[in-house]
Amino acid sequence: MKNLTITVEDSVLEWARVEAARRGTSVSRMVGDFMAELQQREDAYERAYLAWRTDERSWQGGAMPPAGAAAARTIGGRRKTGQEGA
């Protein structure tokens, strides 16, 4: 494990000390846990993104609605029927 020196506002450090005591841990452990959680989220996002990019099914025409689906467009919250103004 390595040490890390950070600079924060006094009020942030005071909050962190109180929060760490409330959680029964140290500021150092709390910051380390936060960084590890952030790393896991970013890694999971990256894996999901790469899986999506390499999923050939998402690039085949099946992902787009059929051409006739354009008739289901709405105007002013109402379904367009082609008879507006008639």
N, C-alpha and C. Protein backbone atom coordinates (compact mmCIF):
# COMPACT_ATOMS: atom_id res chain seq x y z
N MET A 1 0.83 -1.18 0.00
CA MET A 1 0.00 0.00 0.00
C MET A 1 0.88 1.24 0.00
N LYS A 2 0.37 2.27 -0.66
CA LYS A 2 1.09 3.54 -0.75
C LYS A 2 0.34 4.62 0.01
N ASN A 3 1.08 5.63 0.45
CA ASN A 3 0.48 6.79 1.10
C ASN A 3 0.13 7.82 0.03
N LEU A 4 -0.87 8.65 0.34
CA LEU A 4 -1.33 9.69 -0.56
C LEU A 4 -1.56 10.95 0.26
N THR A 5 -1.04 12.06 -0.21
CA THR A 5 -1.28 13.34 0.44
C THR A 5 -2.25 14.12 -0.41
N ILE A 6 -3.32 14.64 0.21
CA ILE A 6 -4.31 15.42 -0.52
C ILE A 6 -4.51 16.76 0.19
N THR A 7 -5.03 17.71 -0.54
CA THR A 7 -5.34 19.02 0.02
C THR A 7 -6.84 19.24 -0.11
N VAL A 8 -7.47 19.56 1.03
CA VAL A 8 -8.92 19.81 1.03
C VAL A 8 -9.19 21.03 1.91
N GLU A 9 -10.35 21.61 1.71
CA GLU A 9 -10.78 22.72 2.56
C GLU A 9 -10.91 22.24 4.01
N ASP A 10 -10.69 23.15 4.94
CA ASP A 10 -10.81 22.81 6.36
C ASP A 10 -12.19 22.24 6.69
N SER A 11 -13.23 22.84 6.13
CA SER A 11 -14.58 22.38 6.43
C SER A 11 -14.82 20.96 5.90
N VAL A 12 -14.22 20.63 4.77
CA VAL A 12 -14.35 19.29 4.20
C VAL A 12 -13.64 18.28 5.10
N LEU A 13 -12.46 18.63 5.57
CA LEU A 13 -11.72 17.73 6.45
C LEU A 13 -12.47 17.52 7.76
N GLU A 14 -13.05 18.57 8.31
CA GLU A 14 -13.83 18.43 9.55
C GLU A 14 -15.01 17.50 9.34
N TRP A 15 -15.72 17.70 8.21
CA TRP A 15 -16.84 16.81 7.90
C TRP A 15 -16.36 15.37 7.76
N ALA A 16 -15.24 15.16 7.06
CA ALA A 16 -14.72 13.82 6.84
C ALA A 16 -14.35 13.15 8.16
N ARG A 17 -13.77 13.89 9.08
CA ARG A 17 -13.42 13.33 10.39
C ARG A 17 -14.66 12.90 11.16
N VAL A 18 -15.68 13.74 11.15
CA VAL A 18 -16.93 13.41 11.85
C VAL A 18 -17.60 12.21 11.19
N GLU A 19 -17.65 12.22 9.86
CA GLU A 19 -18.28 11.12 9.12
C GLU A 19 -17.54 9.81 9.33
N ALA A 20 -16.21 9.85 9.32
CA ALA A 20 -15.43 8.64 9.54
C ALA A 20 -15.67 8.11 10.95
N ALA A 21 -15.72 8.98 11.95
CA ALA A 21 -15.99 8.54 13.33
C ALA A 21 -17.39 7.93 13.42
N ARG A 22 -18.35 8.55 12.76
CA ARG A 22 -19.72 8.01 12.76
C ARG A 22 -19.77 6.62 12.16
N ARG A 23 -18.95 6.39 11.14
CA ARG A 23 -18.91 5.09 10.47
C ARG A 23 -17.97 4.09 11.15
N GLY A 24 -17.23 4.56 12.15
CA GLY A 24 -16.29 3.67 12.83
C GLY A 24 -15.07 3.32 12.00
N THR A 25 -14.59 4.28 11.24
CA THR A 25 -13.43 4.05 10.37
C THR A 25 -12.55 5.29 10.41
N SER A 26 -11.54 5.31 9.58
CA SER A 26 -10.65 6.47 9.50
C SER A 26 -10.92 7.24 8.21
N VAL A 27 -10.49 8.49 8.18
CA VAL A 27 -10.61 9.29 6.96
C VAL A 27 -9.83 8.61 5.85
N SER A 28 -8.66 8.12 6.17
CA SER A 28 -7.82 7.44 5.18
C SER A 28 -8.55 6.24 4.57
N ARG A 29 -9.15 5.41 5.41
CA ARG A 29 -9.87 4.23 4.93
C ARG A 29 -11.10 4.65 4.11
N MET A 30 -11.80 5.69 4.57
CA MET A 30 -12.98 6.16 3.87
C MET A 30 -12.62 6.65 2.47
N VAL A 31 -11.55 7.42 2.35
CA VAL A 31 -11.11 7.92 1.04
C VAL A 31 -10.66 6.75 0.16
N GLY A 32 -9.93 5.82 0.72
CA GLY A 32 -9.48 4.65 -0.05
C GLY A 32 -10.65 3.82 -0.55
N ASP A 33 -11.65 3.61 0.31
CA ASP A 33 -12.84 2.85 -0.09
C ASP A 33 -13.60 3.57 -1.20
N PHE A 34 -13.70 4.90 -1.07
CA PHE A 34 -14.38 5.70 -2.10
C PHE A 34 -13.68 5.55 -3.45
N MET A 35 -12.37 5.64 -3.44
CA MET A 35 -11.61 5.53 -4.69
C MET A 35 -11.74 4.13 -5.29
N ALA A 36 -11.71 3.10 -4.45
CA ALA A 36 -11.86 1.73 -4.94
C ALA A 36 -13.25 1.51 -5.55
N GLU A 37 -14.29 2.08 -4.91
CA GLU A 37 -15.64 1.96 -5.45
C GLU A 37 -15.76 2.68 -6.78
N LEU A 38 -15.17 3.85 -6.88
CA LEU A 38 -15.19 4.60 -8.13
C LEU A 38 -14.48 3.82 -9.24
N GLN A 39 -13.37 3.21 -8.91
CA GLN A 39 -12.64 2.40 -9.88
C GLN A 39 -13.50 1.23 -10.37
N GLN A 40 -14.20 0.55 -9.45
CA GLN A 40 -15.05 -0.57 -9.84
C GLN A 40 -16.18 -0.12 -10.75
N ARG A 41 -16.79 1.03 -10.44
CA ARG A 41 -17.87 1.54 -11.28
C ARG A 41 -17.37 1.86 -12.68
N GLU A 42 -16.23 2.52 -12.75
CA GLU A 42 -15.67 2.89 -14.06
C GLU A 42 -15.31 1.64 -14.85
N ASP A 43 -14.73 0.64 -14.20
CA ASP A 43 -14.37 -0.61 -14.88
C ASP A 43 -15.62 -1.32 -15.39
N ALA A 44 -16.68 -1.36 -14.57
CA ALA A 44 -17.93 -2.01 -14.98
C ALA A 44 -18.54 -1.28 -16.16
N TYR A 45 -18.53 0.06 -16.13
CA TYR A 45 -19.06 0.84 -17.24
C TYR A 45 -18.27 0.55 -18.51
N GLU A 46 -16.95 0.55 -18.40
CA GLU A 46 -16.10 0.30 -19.57
C GLU A 46 -16.37 -1.08 -20.16
N ARG A 47 -16.51 -2.09 -19.30
CA ARG A 47 -16.81 -3.44 -19.78
C ARG A 47 -18.16 -3.49 -20.49
N ALA A 48 -19.17 -2.84 -19.91
CA ALA A 48 -20.50 -2.83 -20.53
C ALA A 48 -20.47 -2.10 -21.87
N TYR A 49 -19.76 -0.99 -21.93
CA TYR A 49 -19.66 -0.23 -23.17
C TYR A 49 -18.97 -1.06 -24.26
N LEU A 50 -17.88 -1.70 -23.90
CA LEU A 50 -17.16 -2.52 -24.89
C LEU A 50 -18.01 -3.70 -25.34
N ALA A 51 -18.76 -4.30 -24.43
CA ALA A 51 -19.63 -5.41 -24.80
C ALA A 51 -20.70 -4.93 -25.78
N TRP A 52 -21.26 -3.75 -25.52
CA TRP A 52 -22.26 -3.20 -26.42
C TRP A 52 -21.67 -2.91 -27.79
N ARG A 53 -20.46 -2.33 -27.81
CA ARG A 53 -19.82 -1.99 -29.08
C ARG A 53 -19.51 -3.22 -29.92
N THR A 54 -19.22 -4.35 -29.26
CA THR A 54 -18.84 -5.55 -30.00
C THR A 54 -20.00 -6.49 -30.24
N ASP A 55 -21.20 -6.14 -29.76
CA ASP A 55 -22.37 -6.98 -29.96
C ASP A 55 -22.90 -6.75 -31.37
N GLU A 56 -22.66 -7.70 -32.25
CA GLU A 56 -23.03 -7.53 -33.66
C GLU A 56 -24.54 -7.38 -33.84
N ARG A 57 -25.34 -7.94 -32.96
CA ARG A 57 -26.79 -7.85 -33.10
C ARG A 57 -27.25 -6.40 -33.02
N SER A 58 -26.56 -5.56 -32.23
CA SER A 58 -27.00 -4.18 -32.10
C SER A 58 -26.72 -3.37 -33.37
N TRP A 59 -25.87 -3.89 -34.25
CA TRP A 59 -25.55 -3.16 -35.48
C TRP A 59 -26.34 -3.67 -36.68
N GLN A 60 -27.13 -4.71 -36.48
CA GLN A 60 -27.95 -5.21 -37.58
C GLN A 60 -29.28 -4.46 -37.57
N GLY A 61 -29.94 -4.40 -38.70
CA GLY A 61 -31.15 -3.63 -38.87
C GLY A 61 -32.24 -3.88 -37.84
N GLY A 62 -32.21 -4.96 -37.10
CA GLY A 62 -33.27 -5.28 -36.14
C GLY A 62 -33.41 -4.28 -35.02
N ALA A 63 -32.41 -3.46 -34.77
CA ALA A 63 -32.48 -2.51 -33.67
C ALA A 63 -33.30 -1.28 -34.02
N MET A 64 -33.53 -1.02 -35.30
CA MET A 64 -34.28 0.15 -35.74
C MET A 64 -35.75 -0.24 -35.95
N PRO A 65 -36.68 0.68 -35.68
CA PRO A 65 -38.09 0.37 -35.92
C PRO A 65 -38.36 0.25 -37.42
N PRO A 66 -39.35 -0.53 -37.79
CA PRO A 66 -39.66 -0.67 -39.22
C PRO A 66 -40.11 0.66 -39.81
N ALA A 67 -40.00 0.79 -41.14
CA ALA A 67 -40.31 2.05 -41.81
C ALA A 67 -41.75 2.51 -41.55
N GLY A 68 -42.69 1.61 -41.42
CA GLY A 68 -44.08 1.96 -41.18
C GLY A 68 -44.32 2.54 -39.80
N ALA A 69 -43.38 2.44 -38.91
CA ALA A 69 -43.54 2.94 -37.55
C ALA A 69 -43.57 4.46 -37.53
N ALA A 70 -43.17 5.12 -38.60
CA ALA A 70 -43.18 6.58 -38.65
C ALA A 70 -44.60 7.11 -38.53
N ALA A 71 -45.60 6.33 -38.89
CA ALA A 71 -46.99 6.77 -38.80
C ALA A 71 -47.44 6.95 -37.36
N ALA A 72 -46.68 6.44 -36.41
CA ALA A 72 -47.06 6.53 -35.00
C ALA A 72 -46.56 7.81 -34.36
N ARG A 73 -46.01 8.74 -35.13
CA ARG A 73 -45.54 10.02 -34.58
C ARG A 73 -46.70 10.76 -33.97
N THR A 74 -46.39 11.61 -33.00
CA THR A 74 -47.46 12.37 -32.35
C THR A 74 -47.26 13.86 -32.60
N ILE A 75 -48.36 14.60 -32.57
CA ILE A 75 -48.34 16.05 -32.69
C ILE A 75 -49.09 16.60 -31.48
N GLY A 76 -48.41 17.45 -30.70
CA GLY A 76 -49.05 18.06 -29.54
C GLY A 76 -49.59 17.04 -28.56
N GLY A 77 -48.90 15.89 -28.41
CA GLY A 77 -49.33 14.88 -27.46
C GLY A 77 -50.43 13.97 -28.01
N ARG A 78 -50.94 14.25 -29.24
CA ARG A 78 -51.97 13.40 -29.84
C ARG A 78 -51.36 12.62 -30.98
N ARG A 79 -51.89 11.50 -31.23
CA ARG A 79 -51.43 10.67 -32.31
C ARG A 79 -51.78 11.31 -33.65
N LYS A 80 -50.84 11.36 -34.56
CA LYS A 80 -51.07 11.92 -35.90
C LYS A 80 -51.83 10.89 -36.73
N THR A 81 -52.99 11.28 -37.25
CA THR A 81 -53.81 10.35 -38.02
C THR A 81 -53.87 10.70 -39.50
N GLY A 82 -53.37 11.86 -39.85
CA GLY A 82 -53.44 12.28 -41.26
C GLY A 82 -54.74 13.01 -41.57
N GLN A 83 -55.62 13.14 -40.57
CA GLN A 83 -56.89 13.81 -40.80
C GLN A 83 -57.00 15.12 -40.02
N GLU A 84 -55.85 15.63 -39.51
CA GLU A 84 -55.89 16.91 -38.80
C GLU A 84 -56.29 18.01 -39.77
N GLY A 85 -57.15 18.91 -39.34
CA GLY A 85 -57.56 20.03 -40.14
C GLY A 85 -58.63 19.69 -41.17
N ALA A 86 -59.09 18.45 -41.18
CA ALA A 86 -60.12 18.03 -42.14
C ALA A 86 -61.50 18.18 -41.54
